PDB file of N, CA and C in Angstrom:
ATOM      1  N   UNK A   1       0.805  -1.186   0.000  1.00  0.00           N
ATOM      2  CA  UNK A   1       0.000   0.000   0.000  1.00  0.00           C
ATOM      3  C   UNK A   1       0.851   1.254   0.000  1.00  0.00           C
ATOM      4  N   UNK A   2       2.118   1.153   0.381  1.00  0.00           N
ATOM      5  CA  UNK A   2       3.025   2.300   0.319  1.00  0.00           C
ATOM      6  C   UNK A   2       3.777   2.258  -0.998  1.00  0.00           C
ATOM      7  N   UNK A   3       4.048   3.425  -1.531  1.00  0.00           N
ATOM      8  CA  UNK A   3       4.760   3.525  -2.802  1.00  0.00           C
ATOM      9  C   UNK A   3       6.267   3.531  -2.561  1.00  0.00           C
ATOM     10  N   UNK A   4       7.047   2.847  -3.404  1.00  0.00           N
ATOM     11  CA  UNK A   4       8.503   2.923  -3.292  1.00  0.00           C
ATOM     12  C   UNK A   4       8.956   4.377  -3.413  1.00  0.00           C
ATOM     13  N   UNK A   5       9.867   4.774  -2.573  1.00  0.00           N
ATOM     14  CA  UNK A   5      10.384   6.132  -2.608  1.00  0.00           C
ATOM     15  C   UNK A   5       9.584   7.140  -1.801  1.00  0.00           C
ATOM     16  N   UNK A   6       8.488   6.714  -1.178  1.00  0.00           N
ATOM     17  CA  UNK A   6       7.675   7.622  -0.352  1.00  0.00           C
ATOM     18  C   UNK A   6       8.387   7.793   0.988  1.00  0.00           C
ATOM     19  N   UNK A   7       9.187   8.838   1.094  1.00  0.00           N
ATOM     20  CA  UNK A   7      10.025   9.036   2.280  1.00  0.00           C
ATOM     21  C   UNK A   7       9.214   9.295   3.540  1.00  0.00           C
ATOM     22  N   UNK A   8       8.128  10.042   3.428  1.00  0.00           N
ATOM     23  CA  UNK A   8       7.304  10.306   4.618  1.00  0.00           C
ATOM     24  C   UNK A   8       6.715   9.013   5.162  1.00  0.00           C
ATOM     25  N   UNK A   9       6.115   8.228   4.282  1.00  0.00           N
ATOM     26  CA  UNK A   9       5.512   6.972   4.722  1.00  0.00           C
ATOM     27  C   UNK A   9       6.574   6.024   5.269  1.00  0.00           C
ATOM     28  N   UNK A  10       7.751   6.015   4.670  1.00  0.00           N
ATOM     29  CA  UNK A  10       8.842   5.186   5.182  1.00  0.00           C
ATOM     30  C   UNK A  10       9.246   5.594   6.586  1.00  0.00           C
ATOM     31  N   UNK A  11       9.279   6.891   6.835  1.00  0.00           N
ATOM     32  CA  UNK A  11       9.610   7.395   8.173  1.00  0.00           C
ATOM     33  C   UNK A  11       8.537   6.967   9.176  1.00  0.00           C
ATOM     34  N   UNK A  12       7.267   7.116   8.797  1.00  0.00           N
ATOM     35  CA  UNK A  12       6.183   6.704   9.697  1.00  0.00           C
ATOM     36  C   UNK A  12       6.256   5.202   9.967  1.00  0.00           C
ATOM     37  N   UNK A  13       6.564   4.427   8.939  1.00  0.00           N
ATOM     38  CA  UNK A  13       6.660   2.977   9.085  1.00  0.00           C
ATOM     39  C   UNK A  13       7.773   2.600  10.056  1.00  0.00           C
ATOM     40  N   UNK A  14       8.921   3.246   9.945  1.00  0.00           N
ATOM     41  CA  UNK A  14      10.027   2.960  10.870  1.00  0.00           C
ATOM     42  C   UNK A  14       9.682   3.386  12.294  1.00  0.00           C
ATOM     43  N   UNK A  15       9.019   4.514  12.459  1.00  0.00           N
ATOM     44  CA  UNK A  15       8.703   5.022  13.792  1.00  0.00           C
ATOM     45  C   UNK A  15       7.581   4.242  14.467  1.00  0.00           C
ATOM     46  N   UNK A  16       6.550   3.872  13.703  1.00  0.00           N
ATOM     47  CA  UNK A  16       5.345   3.290  14.290  1.00  0.00           C
ATOM     48  C   UNK A  16       5.241   1.775  14.141  1.00  0.00           C
ATOM     49  N   UNK A  17       5.862   1.228  13.122  1.00  0.00           N
ATOM     50  CA  UNK A  17       5.700  -0.183  12.804  1.00  0.00           C
ATOM     51  C   UNK A  17       4.489  -0.377  11.898  1.00  0.00           C
ATOM     52  N   UNK A  18       4.439  -1.507  11.195  1.00  0.00           N
ATOM     53  CA  UNK A  18       3.380  -1.710  10.203  1.00  0.00           C
ATOM     54  C   UNK A  18       1.975  -1.797  10.787  1.00  0.00           C
ATOM     55  N   UNK A  19       1.818  -2.465  11.919  1.00  0.00           N
ATOM     56  CA  UNK A  19       0.479  -2.624  12.494  1.00  0.00           C
ATOM     57  C   UNK A  19      -0.119  -1.293  12.918  1.00  0.00           C
ATOM     58  N   UNK A  20       0.672  -0.476  13.613  1.00  0.00           N
ATOM     59  CA  UNK A  20       0.172   0.816  14.081  1.00  0.00           C
ATOM     60  C   UNK A  20      -0.068   1.765  12.914  1.00  0.00           C
ATOM     61  N   UNK A  21       0.781   1.742  11.908  1.00  0.00           N
ATOM     62  CA  UNK A  21       0.586   2.624  10.761  1.00  0.00           C
ATOM     63  C   UNK A  21      -0.700   2.263  10.017  1.00  0.00           C
ATOM     64  N   UNK A  22      -0.946   0.985   9.798  1.00  0.00           N
ATOM     65  CA  UNK A  22      -2.186   0.562   9.149  1.00  0.00           C
ATOM     66  C   UNK A  22      -3.393   0.944   9.997  1.00  0.00           C
ATOM     67  N   UNK A  23      -3.290   0.781  11.310  1.00  0.00           N
ATOM     68  CA  UNK A  23      -4.392   1.158  12.195  1.00  0.00           C
ATOM     69  C   UNK A  23      -4.707   2.642  12.037  1.00  0.00           C
ATOM     70  N   UNK A  24      -3.667   3.475  12.008  1.00  0.00           N
ATOM     71  CA  UNK A  24      -3.888   4.923  11.870  1.00  0.00           C
ATOM     72  C   UNK A  24      -4.507   5.275  10.525  1.00  0.00           C
ATOM     73  N   UNK A  25      -4.073   4.611   9.469  1.00  0.00           N
ATOM     74  CA  UNK A  25      -4.626   4.897   8.147  1.00  0.00           C
ATOM     75  C   UNK A  25      -6.102   4.534   8.063  1.00  0.00           C
ATOM     76  N   UNK A  26      -6.526   3.515   8.771  1.00  0.00           N
ATOM     77  CA  UNK A  26      -7.902   3.042   8.655  1.00  0.00           C
ATOM     78  C   UNK A  26      -8.808   3.525   9.779  1.00  0.00           C
ATOM     79  N   UNK A  27      -8.264   4.073  10.859  1.00  0.00           N
ATOM     80  CA  UNK A  27      -9.076   4.539  11.989  1.00  0.00           C
ATOM     81  C   UNK A  27      -9.678   5.906  11.686  1.00  0.00           C
ATOM     82  N   UNK A  28     -10.791   6.178  12.291  1.00  0.00           N
ATOM     83  CA  UNK A  28     -11.463   7.473  12.132  1.00  0.00           C
ATOM     84  C   UNK A  28     -11.281   8.329  13.381  1.00  0.00           C
ATOM     85  N   UNK A  29     -10.204   8.089  14.134  1.00  0.00           N
ATOM     86  CA  UNK A  29     -10.001   8.799  15.403  1.00  0.00           C
ATOM     87  C   UNK A  29      -9.131  10.045  15.273  1.00  0.00           C
ATOM     88  N   UNK A  30      -8.728  10.393  14.056  1.00  0.00           N
ATOM     89  CA  UNK A  30      -7.916  11.587  13.834  1.00  0.00           C
ATOM     90  C   UNK A  30      -6.425  11.373  14.000  1.00  0.00           C
ATOM     91  N   UNK A  31      -5.998  10.153  14.322  1.00  0.00           N
ATOM     92  CA  UNK A  31      -4.571   9.916  14.558  1.00  0.00           C
ATOM     93  C   UNK A  31      -3.751  10.033  13.273  1.00  0.00           C
ATOM     94  N   UNK A  32      -4.304   9.658  12.130  1.00  0.00           N
ATOM     95  CA  UNK A  32      -3.561   9.773  10.868  1.00  0.00           C
ATOM     96  C   UNK A  32      -3.369  11.232  10.481  1.00  0.00           C
ATOM     97  N   UNK A  33      -4.362  12.048  10.737  1.00  0.00           N
ATOM     98  CA  UNK A  33      -4.272  13.464  10.386  1.00  0.00           C
ATOM     99  C   UNK A  33      -3.168  14.175  11.161  1.00  0.00           C
ATOM    100  N   UNK A  34      -2.772  13.636  12.286  1.00  0.00           N
ATOM    101  CA  UNK A  34      -1.732  14.259  13.107  1.00  0.00           C
ATOM    102  C   UNK A  34      -0.316  13.825  12.728  1.00  0.00           C
ATOM    103  N   UNK A  35      -0.171  12.902  11.793  1.00  0.00           N
ATOM    104  CA  UNK A  35       1.166  12.500  11.354  1.00  0.00           C
ATOM    105  C   UNK A  35       1.838  13.676  10.650  1.00  0.00           C
ATOM    106  N   UNK A  36       3.125  13.923  10.914  1.00  0.00           N
ATOM    107  CA  UNK A  36       3.820  15.040  10.268  1.00  0.00           C
ATOM    108  C   UNK A  36       3.817  14.905   8.743  1.00  0.00           C
ATOM    109  N   UNK A  37       3.391  15.948   8.057  1.00  0.00           N
ATOM    110  CA  UNK A  37       3.378  15.940   6.606  1.00  0.00           C
ATOM    111  C   UNK A  37       2.133  15.343   5.973  1.00  0.00           C
ATOM    112  N   UNK A  38       1.174  14.903   6.781  1.00  0.00           N
ATOM    113  CA  UNK A  38      -0.045  14.307   6.239  1.00  0.00           C
ATOM    114  C   UNK A  38      -0.943  15.397   5.676  1.00  0.00           C
ATOM    115  N   UNK A  39      -1.505  15.139   4.510  1.00  0.00           N
ATOM    116  CA  UNK A  39      -2.502  16.027   3.914  1.00  0.00           C
ATOM    117  C   UNK A  39      -3.771  15.218   3.667  1.00  0.00           C
ATOM    118  N   UNK A  40      -4.873  15.899   3.439  1.00  0.00           N
ATOM    119  CA  UNK A  40      -6.135  15.207   3.181  1.00  0.00           C
ATOM    120  C   UNK A  40      -6.042  14.346   1.918  1.00  0.00           C
ATOM    121  N   UNK A  41      -5.415  14.869   0.881  1.00  0.00           N
ATOM    122  CA  UNK A  41      -5.281  14.106  -0.366  1.00  0.00           C
ATOM    123  C   UNK A  41      -4.410  12.873  -0.167  1.00  0.00           C
ATOM    124  N   UNK A  42      -3.318  13.036   0.547  1.00  0.00           N
ATOM    125  CA  UNK A  42      -2.410  11.911   0.815  1.00  0.00           C
ATOM    126  C   UNK A  42      -3.137  10.836   1.630  1.00  0.00           C
ATOM    127  N   UNK A  43      -3.847  11.258   2.676  1.00  0.00           N
ATOM    128  CA  UNK A  43      -4.565  10.306   3.519  1.00  0.00           C
ATOM    129  C   UNK A  43      -5.640   9.577   2.721  1.00  0.00           C
ATOM    130  N   UNK A  44      -6.332  10.293   1.848  1.00  0.00           N
ATOM    131  CA  UNK A  44      -7.339   9.650   1.008  1.00  0.00           C
ATOM    132  C   UNK A  44      -6.746   8.540   0.153  1.00  0.00           C
ATOM    133  N   UNK A  45      -5.581   8.787  -0.416  1.00  0.00           N
ATOM    134  CA  UNK A  45      -4.914   7.765  -1.221  1.00  0.00           C
ATOM    135  C   UNK A  45      -4.489   6.563  -0.399  1.00  0.00           C
ATOM    136  N   UNK A  46      -3.934   6.814   0.772  1.00  0.00           N
ATOM    137  CA  UNK A  46      -3.532   5.705   1.642  1.00  0.00           C
ATOM    138  C   UNK A  46      -4.745   4.887   2.063  1.00  0.00           C
ATOM    139  N   UNK A  47      -5.830   5.558   2.388  1.00  0.00           N
ATOM    140  CA  UNK A  47      -7.035   4.836   2.821  1.00  0.00           C
ATOM    141  C   UNK A  47      -7.622   4.004   1.691  1.00  0.00           C
ATOM    142  N   UNK A  48      -7.584   4.502   0.474  1.00  0.00           N
ATOM    143  CA  UNK A  48      -8.063   3.705  -0.662  1.00  0.00           C
ATOM    144  C   UNK A  48      -7.228   2.448  -0.833  1.00  0.00           C
ATOM    145  N   UNK A  49      -5.919   2.578  -0.717  1.00  0.00           N
ATOM    146  CA  UNK A  49      -5.043   1.416  -0.883  1.00  0.00           C
ATOM    147  C   UNK A  49      -5.103   0.472   0.312  1.00  0.00           C
ATOM    148  N   UNK A  50      -5.437   0.978   1.497  1.00  0.00           N
ATOM    149  CA  UNK A  50      -5.494   0.140   2.694  1.00  0.00           C
ATOM    150  C   UNK A  50      -6.785  -0.667   2.772  1.00  0.00           C
ATOM    151  N   UNK A  51      -7.800  -0.251   2.036  1.00  0.00           N
ATOM    152  CA  UNK A  51      -9.113  -0.919   2.113  1.00  0.00           C
ATOM    153  C   UNK A  51      -9.089  -2.306   1.513  1.00  0.00           C
TER     154      UNK A  51
END
């Protein structure tokens, strides 16, 4: 679900681990919106690929 070369997502993956990152992408609790560098368009794309 992550694109090769996506440095922001790679940083989040290293910091949070795969399970927590997927949880944030799919949760509606606002935790994904608080990730550094997250935008609404970026989050929408991640959520589409995570579904």
